[in-house]
């Protein structure tokens, strides 16, 4: 079995790794919901009326 090819060195990934070791991992991202897709707060109920067609 062949050896796994090593990835090229990237300075940015090493800087981020060092920062995580010193400071800690960043807080979790806050997800914002789209207000256009939110349901209405005080939506009135529509009552179904039985219609007699006969």
N, C-alpha and C. Protein backbone atom coordinates (compact mmCIF):
# COMPACT_ATOMS: atom_id res chain seq x y z
N UNK A 1 0.84 -1.18 0.00
CA UNK A 1 0.00 0.00 0.00
C UNK A 1 0.89 1.25 0.00
N UNK A 2 0.48 2.22 -0.83
CA UNK A 2 1.30 3.42 -0.96
C UNK A 2 1.09 4.35 0.22
N UNK A 3 2.08 5.22 0.44
CA UNK A 3 1.97 6.23 1.48
C UNK A 3 0.97 7.29 1.06
N UNK A 4 0.30 7.88 2.05
CA UNK A 4 -0.65 8.95 1.77
C UNK A 4 0.12 10.22 1.43
N UNK A 5 -0.29 10.87 0.35
CA UNK A 5 0.39 12.08 -0.09
C UNK A 5 0.07 13.22 0.88
N UNK A 6 1.12 13.90 1.36
CA UNK A 6 0.90 14.99 2.31
C UNK A 6 0.43 16.23 1.59
N UNK A 7 -0.43 16.98 2.28
CA UNK A 7 -0.96 18.20 1.69
C UNK A 7 0.10 19.30 1.78
N UNK A 8 0.06 20.27 0.87
CA UNK A 8 1.04 21.36 0.93
C UNK A 8 0.78 22.23 2.17
N UNK A 9 1.84 22.79 2.71
CA UNK A 9 1.75 23.62 3.91
C UNK A 9 1.06 24.94 3.58
N UNK A 10 0.06 25.28 4.40
CA UNK A 10 -0.62 26.56 4.27
C UNK A 10 -0.44 27.33 5.56
N UNK A 11 0.01 28.56 5.44
CA UNK A 11 0.29 29.37 6.60
C UNK A 11 -0.98 29.71 7.38
N UNK A 12 -2.09 29.96 6.68
CA UNK A 12 -3.31 30.37 7.36
C UNK A 12 -3.86 29.27 8.27
N UNK A 13 -3.78 28.03 7.82
CA UNK A 13 -4.29 26.94 8.66
C UNK A 13 -3.43 26.76 9.91
N UNK A 14 -2.14 26.97 9.78
CA UNK A 14 -1.26 26.85 10.93
C UNK A 14 -1.50 27.98 11.92
N UNK A 15 -1.74 29.18 11.42
CA UNK A 15 -2.02 30.33 12.30
C UNK A 15 -3.33 30.10 13.05
N UNK A 16 -4.33 29.59 12.37
CA UNK A 16 -5.61 29.30 13.03
C UNK A 16 -5.46 28.21 14.07
N UNK A 17 -4.67 27.20 13.77
CA UNK A 17 -4.44 26.11 14.72
C UNK A 17 -3.77 26.62 15.99
N UNK A 18 -2.77 27.48 15.81
CA UNK A 18 -2.07 28.05 16.96
C UNK A 18 -3.00 28.94 17.78
N UNK A 19 -3.85 29.71 17.11
CA UNK A 19 -4.78 30.59 17.82
C UNK A 19 -5.79 29.77 18.63
N UNK A 20 -6.24 28.66 18.08
CA UNK A 20 -7.18 27.80 18.81
C UNK A 20 -6.53 27.21 20.05
N UNK A 21 -5.24 26.90 19.95
CA UNK A 21 -4.54 26.35 21.11
C UNK A 21 -4.36 27.40 22.20
N UNK A 22 -4.07 28.63 21.81
CA UNK A 22 -3.82 29.68 22.79
C UNK A 22 -5.11 30.29 23.36
N UNK A 23 -6.03 30.65 22.48
CA UNK A 23 -7.23 31.39 22.90
C UNK A 23 -8.41 30.47 23.13
N UNK A 24 -8.53 29.47 22.32
CA UNK A 24 -9.67 28.57 22.40
C UNK A 24 -10.47 28.65 21.11
N UNK A 25 -11.39 27.72 20.97
CA UNK A 25 -12.18 27.70 19.74
C UNK A 25 -13.19 28.84 19.75
N UNK A 26 -13.56 29.36 18.60
CA UNK A 26 -14.53 30.46 18.53
C UNK A 26 -15.92 29.98 18.93
N UNK A 27 -16.78 30.89 19.39
CA UNK A 27 -18.14 30.48 19.77
C UNK A 27 -18.92 30.01 18.55
N UNK A 28 -19.94 29.23 18.83
CA UNK A 28 -20.78 28.70 17.75
C UNK A 28 -21.49 29.84 17.05
N UNK A 29 -21.69 29.70 15.76
CA UNK A 29 -22.34 30.74 14.97
C UNK A 29 -23.82 30.82 15.32
N UNK A 30 -24.36 32.04 15.32
CA UNK A 30 -25.77 32.25 15.60
C UNK A 30 -26.52 32.22 14.28
N UNK A 31 -27.52 31.37 14.19
CA UNK A 31 -28.29 31.30 12.96
C UNK A 31 -29.47 32.24 13.05
N UNK A 32 -29.63 33.08 12.06
CA UNK A 32 -30.73 34.02 12.01
C UNK A 32 -31.78 33.47 11.06
N UNK A 33 -33.02 33.41 11.55
CA UNK A 33 -34.09 32.93 10.69
C UNK A 33 -34.60 34.08 9.83
N UNK A 34 -35.06 33.75 8.65
CA UNK A 34 -35.57 34.75 7.73
C UNK A 34 -36.94 35.21 8.22
N UNK A 35 -37.13 36.51 8.53
CA UNK A 35 -38.42 36.96 9.06
C UNK A 35 -39.55 36.82 8.06
N UNK A 36 -39.23 36.73 6.79
CA UNK A 36 -40.29 36.57 5.78
C UNK A 36 -40.88 35.17 5.82
N UNK A 37 -40.14 34.20 6.34
CA UNK A 37 -40.61 32.83 6.38
C UNK A 37 -41.20 32.46 7.74
N UNK A 38 -41.20 33.40 8.68
CA UNK A 38 -41.75 33.14 10.00
C UNK A 38 -43.27 33.10 9.95
N UNK A 39 -43.90 32.22 10.71
CA UNK A 39 -45.37 32.24 10.76
C UNK A 39 -45.85 33.46 11.54
N UNK A 40 -47.05 33.89 11.27
CA UNK A 40 -47.60 35.03 11.98
C UNK A 40 -47.83 34.67 13.45
N UNK A 41 -47.67 35.65 14.33
CA UNK A 41 -47.81 35.38 15.76
C UNK A 41 -49.27 35.16 16.15
N UNK A 42 -50.15 36.05 15.71
CA UNK A 42 -51.55 36.01 16.14
C UNK A 42 -52.44 35.72 14.94
N UNK A 43 -52.24 34.57 14.38
CA UNK A 43 -53.04 34.22 13.22
C UNK A 43 -54.40 33.70 13.70
N UNK A 44 -55.46 34.29 13.16
CA UNK A 44 -56.80 33.88 13.56
C UNK A 44 -57.12 32.53 12.94
N UNK A 45 -57.82 31.73 13.70
CA UNK A 45 -58.22 30.42 13.20
C UNK A 45 -59.41 30.57 12.27
N UNK A 46 -59.37 29.86 11.21
CA UNK A 46 -60.47 29.84 10.28
C UNK A 46 -61.29 28.59 10.58
N UNK A 47 -62.52 28.82 11.00
CA UNK A 47 -63.37 27.68 11.35
C UNK A 47 -64.01 27.13 10.08
N UNK A 48 -64.03 25.84 10.01
CA UNK A 48 -64.64 25.19 8.87
C UNK A 48 -66.15 25.12 9.10
N UNK A 49 -66.91 25.54 8.12
CA UNK A 49 -68.36 25.54 8.21
C UNK A 49 -68.88 24.41 7.36
N UNK A 50 -69.71 23.59 7.98
CA UNK A 50 -70.32 22.50 7.21
C UNK A 50 -71.40 23.05 6.30
N UNK A 51 -71.24 22.87 5.03
CA UNK A 51 -72.22 23.36 4.06
C UNK A 51 -73.14 22.22 3.65
N UNK A 52 -74.43 22.45 3.75
CA UNK A 52 -75.40 21.47 3.29
C UNK A 52 -75.83 21.83 1.89
N UNK A 53 -75.43 21.02 0.96
CA UNK A 53 -75.77 21.30 -0.44
C UNK A 53 -77.14 20.75 -0.82
N UNK A 54 -77.75 19.90 -0.02
CA UNK A 54 -79.06 19.35 -0.40
C UNK A 54 -80.21 20.18 0.11
